[in-house]
Each structure stands twice: as C-alpha cells, then as structure tokens.
Amino acid sequence: MMEGPIIKKENVETLLETRFVKVYDLQYAPERHYYDASRREKEELIAIKTDEEFRSMAPDAATCIVILKSGSAEPKLFLQYEYRYPTGRFLLSPPAGLIDKEDAGKEDAVLLTARREIFEETGITVRDTDRVFEVNPLVFSSPGLTDECNALVCAVVSADEESEVTQDGAVGSEFFDGYVLLTEKDARRVLRDGRDAEGNFYSVYTWAALIYFVSGMWKENEL
C-alpha cells in the first residue's frame, strides 16, 4: 500500500471559507482536482497528514449510542428525530456533537463530549455508575465529499424515561421533534425496513447504532 499523502500542502487551494465550513481544492496531479468540504483549517486537513499523523489524529465529534436500562425492563435504544437541514426532514438520529475546542487534546475528550451531548439533547445525566465507553475511535462520514469524522461512543445508562428524558436543551441550529425507545425487536425491524416507523430513510450513523445494539456487543463490557 502506498505510504504518505499524495496531496501536498502547497497544492491545496481554499475556495470557500466561512465560520462553519470551508471548501478546498485538492490538486492530486497536474490539472487534476478534487474538492473537500471541511470544518478544519488548511494546515489541519486530513488529506495532507502523514501516515503517522493520520493514525493518531482525533475525531471532530462524537456520536452516542445510548441504551437505557430501567430496573428489570428490557434495555432500549434511544434515538431522536432531529431536523437535518440538507434533507429538509426530521431524521431518526443518535445524539451527537462536536468536540469543544477547550476539550480537544484531552485524553478523555471523546467521553466528555458524549456525556455533554447526551445531557443537552436528551436531558439524561450520565452518572459515574453508568457505563460509557468508546466503540470506535474514528469513522468518516463520507470520505468522497468531506473529511469530517466522528468517534462512536456507547452509553449504557440507568434512567427513567418519564422523569429524565427531555429535548428542551437544544442549542444553535439543533431542532428536535420527539424520540423513540426501541427494543431489540423494534431495532431489527427498522434495520430490515431501512426506514423508520414513518417510512423515512435515516443516516449511516443511525444504522451503526442499530447494528451495535442488536449485535449485543454492548453487553461485552458489562461487569
């Protein structure tokens, strides 16, 4: 396998720069161009990282696979309906959020982000007695369009739906319209259908949360 980046920093041109997103022209050969939408500054682009930098880099955000356990009741996967502006729809989604600048570089930045986002988006406090662990250190959203990447985190939380779950903590562009708690049987149905109960499609991160839940892999970390 080829080692090292094909694209050099001097062959990267900034085409668009805004507060929230940038678009870069990645010239990978003479008169050959590819375009990358990114949150990153030019010097932090993944395309120009060395292999060592690539393998040790941090993700941009954390996506949370939240499993609720309440007494002897069957464990349930929490998913919410969040408005996704590019699709113009409320899509079935797991809680997720960007890693704050003040947390970036901390050893536990991903888990700190997960705890914060779960509280903001669900109202649920992840306690010290709950299990929170990394499922995958970094997965790409769409390497054909953007270098954005998320860590996958699982939180197995003891919580009461009626007294704790709320979506009043939305910030910025976040916009929610309810949530669902899926048993393993429910989750398998959503996986088979490729659609939610409303007949709508969902993101690959939702698919990952469903797969991880029904696989039972989350139980492997139980004491």
Protein backbone atom coordinates (compact mmCIF):
# COMPACT_ATOMS: atom_id res chain seq x y z
CA MET A 1 0.00 0.00 0.00
CA MET A 2 1.24 3.47 -0.88
CA GLU A 3 2.71 5.33 2.09
CA GLY A 4 2.39 9.05 2.71
CA PRO A 5 -0.03 11.66 1.36
CA ILE A 6 -0.44 12.09 -2.39
CA ILE A 7 -1.60 15.68 -1.91
CA LYS A 8 0.94 18.25 -0.73
CA LYS A 9 0.01 21.32 1.30
CA GLU A 10 1.27 23.64 -1.43
CA ASN A 11 -1.22 22.02 -3.84
CA VAL A 12 -4.24 22.85 -1.67
CA GLU A 13 -6.26 25.97 -2.51
CA THR A 14 -9.02 27.46 -0.36
CA LEU A 15 -12.13 28.03 -2.49
CA LEU A 16 -14.60 29.00 0.25
CA GLU A 17 -14.06 29.99 3.85
CA THR A 18 -16.89 30.64 6.29
CA ARG A 19 -17.26 30.37 10.05
CA PHE A 20 -18.72 26.87 9.90
CA VAL A 21 -17.39 25.21 6.76
CA LYS A 22 -14.61 25.56 4.22
CA VAL A 23 -14.17 24.12 0.74
CA TYR A 24 -10.73 23.19 -0.55
CA ASP A 25 -9.38 22.30 -3.99
CA LEU A 26 -7.07 19.32 -3.59
CA GLN A 27 -4.80 19.09 -6.62
CA TYR A 28 -3.63 15.49 -6.65
CA ALA A 29 -1.92 15.60 -10.09
CA PRO A 30 -1.31 18.20 -12.81
CA GLU A 31 -4.72 19.57 -13.89
CA ARG A 32 -6.42 17.03 -11.63
CA HIS A 33 -8.61 18.41 -8.84
CA TYR A 34 -10.79 17.02 -6.05
CA TYR A 35 -12.94 19.05 -3.69
CA ASP A 36 -13.20 18.70 0.06
CA ALA A 37 -15.79 20.28 2.37
CA SER A 38 -14.28 20.52 5.84
CA ARG A 39 -14.55 22.15 9.25
CA ARG A 40 -10.76 22.07 9.51
CA GLU A 41 -8.22 24.78 8.88
CA LYS A 42 -5.94 24.24 5.89
CA GLU A 43 -2.97 23.08 7.98
CA GLU A 44 -5.18 20.51 9.75
CA LEU A 45 -6.68 18.92 6.64
CA ILE A 46 -6.57 15.16 6.78
CA ALA A 47 -5.57 14.86 3.11
CA ILE A 48 -2.12 16.31 3.80
CA LYS A 49 -1.35 14.41 7.01
CA THR A 50 1.50 11.93 7.15
CA ASP A 51 0.59 8.31 7.87
CA GLU A 52 1.70 8.72 11.47
CA GLU A 53 -0.40 11.89 11.88
CA PHE A 54 -3.37 10.20 10.24
CA ARG A 55 -3.27 7.18 12.55
CA SER A 56 -3.03 9.30 15.69
CA MET A 57 -5.46 12.12 14.83
CA ALA A 58 -8.55 12.99 16.86
CA PRO A 59 -12.13 12.94 15.55
CA ASP A 60 -14.21 16.07 15.02
CA ALA A 61 -17.20 14.85 17.00
CA ALA A 62 -18.79 12.04 18.96
CA THR A 63 -21.88 10.05 18.03
CA CYS A 64 -23.59 8.43 21.00
CA ILE A 65 -25.24 5.01 21.09
CA VAL A 66 -27.49 5.47 24.12
CA ILE A 67 -29.02 2.38 25.71
CA LEU A 68 -31.46 2.88 28.57
CA LYS A 69 -31.90 0.33 31.33
CA SER A 70 -34.63 0.71 33.91
CA GLY A 71 -34.93 -1.97 36.58
CA SER A 72 -35.91 -5.33 35.14
CA ALA A 73 -37.35 -3.79 31.96
CA GLU A 74 -35.89 -4.76 28.58
CA PRO A 75 -32.99 -2.49 27.52
CA LYS A 76 -33.95 0.06 24.86
CA LEU A 77 -32.03 2.08 22.30
CA PHE A 78 -32.66 5.83 22.39
CA LEU A 79 -32.97 7.57 19.02
CA GLN A 80 -34.39 11.00 18.35
CA TYR A 81 -35.94 12.88 15.48
CA GLU A 82 -33.58 15.73 14.64
CA TYR A 83 -34.08 18.18 11.80
CA ARG A 84 -31.37 17.70 9.19
CA TYR A 85 -31.18 20.83 7.08
CA PRO A 86 -29.66 19.32 3.89
CA THR A 87 -32.51 16.78 3.70
CA GLY A 88 -35.23 19.14 4.92
CA ARG A 89 -36.59 16.44 7.22
CA PHE A 90 -36.60 15.22 10.80
CA LEU A 91 -34.45 12.10 10.56
CA LEU A 92 -34.13 9.34 13.11
CA SER A 93 -30.73 10.02 14.68
CA PRO A 94 -28.48 9.20 17.64
CA PRO A 95 -27.33 12.09 19.86
CA ALA A 96 -24.08 13.62 18.59
CA GLY A 97 -21.97 16.74 18.82
CA LEU A 98 -18.67 18.39 18.01
CA ILE A 99 -15.74 18.19 20.41
CA ASP A 100 -15.31 21.62 22.04
CA LYS A 101 -12.02 23.42 21.46
CA GLU A 102 -11.36 23.52 25.21
CA ASP A 103 -11.67 19.72 25.36
CA ALA A 104 -9.65 18.94 22.24
CA GLY A 105 -6.35 17.36 23.15
CA LYS A 106 -7.62 15.96 26.44
CA GLU A 107 -7.22 12.22 26.83
CA ASP A 108 -10.94 11.81 27.60
CA ALA A 109 -12.22 14.44 25.13
CA VAL A 110 -14.50 11.99 23.32
CA LEU A 111 -16.16 10.74 26.51
CA LEU A 112 -16.52 14.29 27.85
CA THR A 113 -18.24 15.25 24.61
CA ALA A 114 -20.54 12.23 24.76
CA ARG A 115 -21.65 12.99 28.31
CA ARG A 116 -22.30 16.64 27.45
CA GLU A 117 -24.23 15.92 24.26
CA ILE A 118 -26.37 13.22 25.86
CA PHE A 119 -27.40 15.65 28.59
CA GLU A 120 -28.06 18.55 26.19
CA GLU A 121 -30.04 16.52 23.67
CA THR A 122 -31.87 14.04 25.92
CA GLY A 123 -31.88 15.56 29.40
CA ILE A 124 -30.29 12.38 30.75
CA THR A 125 -27.37 12.72 33.14
CA VAL A 126 -24.74 10.03 32.64
CA ARG A 127 -23.68 9.13 36.16
CA ASP A 128 -20.43 7.64 37.42
CA THR A 129 -22.26 4.34 37.95
CA ASP A 130 -23.24 4.18 34.25
CA ARG A 131 -21.03 2.62 31.60
CA VAL A 132 -19.62 4.93 28.92
CA PHE A 133 -17.02 3.58 26.54
CA GLU A 134 -15.56 4.06 23.07
CA VAL A 135 -16.88 1.74 20.37
CA ASN A 136 -14.78 3.10 17.51
CA PRO A 137 -12.13 5.85 17.75
CA LEU A 138 -12.92 7.43 14.38
CA VAL A 139 -15.16 6.77 11.39
CA PHE A 140 -15.58 9.02 8.37
CA SER A 141 -18.94 10.48 7.42
CA SER A 142 -18.27 10.48 3.67
CA PRO A 143 -14.63 10.45 2.52
CA GLY A 144 -15.86 11.14 -1.03
CA LEU A 145 -17.16 14.57 -0.05
CA THR A 146 -15.80 15.63 3.32
CA ASP A 147 -13.09 14.72 5.80
CA GLU A 148 -15.48 15.09 8.76
CA CYS A 149 -15.19 12.19 11.19
CA ASN A 150 -16.81 11.01 14.42
CA ALA A 151 -15.91 8.71 17.26
CA LEU A 152 -18.62 6.21 18.23
CA VAL A 153 -19.39 6.05 21.94
CA CYS A 154 -21.79 3.77 23.79
CA ALA A 155 -23.51 4.86 27.00
CA VAL A 156 -25.47 2.25 28.93
CA VAL A 157 -27.50 4.39 31.29
CA SER A 158 -29.85 3.67 34.16
CA ALA A 159 -32.58 6.25 33.64
CA ASP A 160 -36.31 6.67 33.90
CA GLU A 161 -37.87 7.86 30.66
CA GLU A 162 -40.78 9.74 32.21
CA SER A 163 -38.76 11.74 34.72
CA GLU A 164 -35.48 12.33 32.87
CA VAL A 165 -35.91 12.46 29.09
CA THR A 166 -36.41 15.95 27.65
CA GLN A 167 -35.45 17.70 24.43
CA ASP A 168 -35.50 21.22 25.85
CA GLY A 169 -31.71 21.53 25.78
CA ALA A 170 -31.38 22.20 22.05
CA VAL A 171 -28.72 24.77 21.18
CA GLY A 172 -27.79 26.62 18.00
CA SER A 173 -29.28 25.03 14.90
CA GLU A 174 -30.49 21.93 16.78
CA PHE A 175 -34.20 21.24 16.27
CA PHE A 176 -35.91 18.12 17.66
CA ASP A 177 -39.33 16.56 17.22
CA GLY A 178 -39.63 13.68 19.64
CA TYR A 179 -37.77 10.44 20.22
CA VAL A 180 -38.23 6.69 20.25
CA LEU A 181 -37.08 3.93 22.58
CA LEU A 182 -36.52 0.75 20.60
CA THR A 183 -36.43 -2.77 21.96
CA GLU A 184 -34.15 -5.20 20.17
CA LYS A 185 -37.16 -6.45 18.18
CA ASP A 186 -38.06 -2.88 17.19
CA ALA A 187 -34.48 -2.13 16.16
CA ARG A 188 -34.32 -5.23 13.98
CA ARG A 189 -37.48 -4.15 12.20
CA VAL A 190 -36.04 -0.68 11.48
CA LEU A 191 -32.87 -2.35 10.18
CA ARG A 192 -34.80 -4.72 7.92
CA ASP A 193 -37.03 -1.97 6.54
CA GLY A 194 -34.27 0.57 6.00
CA ARG A 195 -36.86 3.13 7.12
CA ASP A 196 -38.26 4.45 10.37
CA ALA A 197 -41.84 4.00 11.55
CA GLU A 198 -42.87 6.97 9.37
CA GLY A 199 -41.39 5.35 6.26
CA ASN A 200 -38.44 7.75 6.09
CA PHE A 201 -34.78 6.92 5.45
CA TYR A 202 -32.08 7.55 8.06
CA SER A 203 -28.33 8.19 8.29
CA VAL A 204 -25.49 5.67 8.35
CA TYR A 205 -24.81 6.68 11.97
CA THR A 206 -28.34 5.57 12.87
CA TRP A 207 -27.66 2.30 11.07
CA ALA A 208 -24.45 1.87 13.09
CA ALA A 209 -26.29 2.48 16.36
CA LEU A 210 -28.97 -0.05 15.41
CA ILE A 211 -26.42 -2.67 14.38
CA TYR A 212 -24.36 -2.24 17.53
CA PHE A 213 -27.46 -2.52 19.72
CA VAL A 214 -28.91 -5.66 18.12
CA SER A 215 -25.49 -7.33 17.90
CA GLY A 216 -25.30 -7.40 21.69
CA MET A 217 -21.68 -6.24 21.57
CA TRP A 218 -22.51 -3.53 24.10
CA LYS A 219 -23.03 -6.26 26.72
CA GLU A 220 -19.40 -7.41 26.41
CA ASN A 221 -18.27 -4.54 28.64
CA GLU A 222 -20.70 -5.36 31.43
CA LEU A 223 -19.15 -6.29 34.74
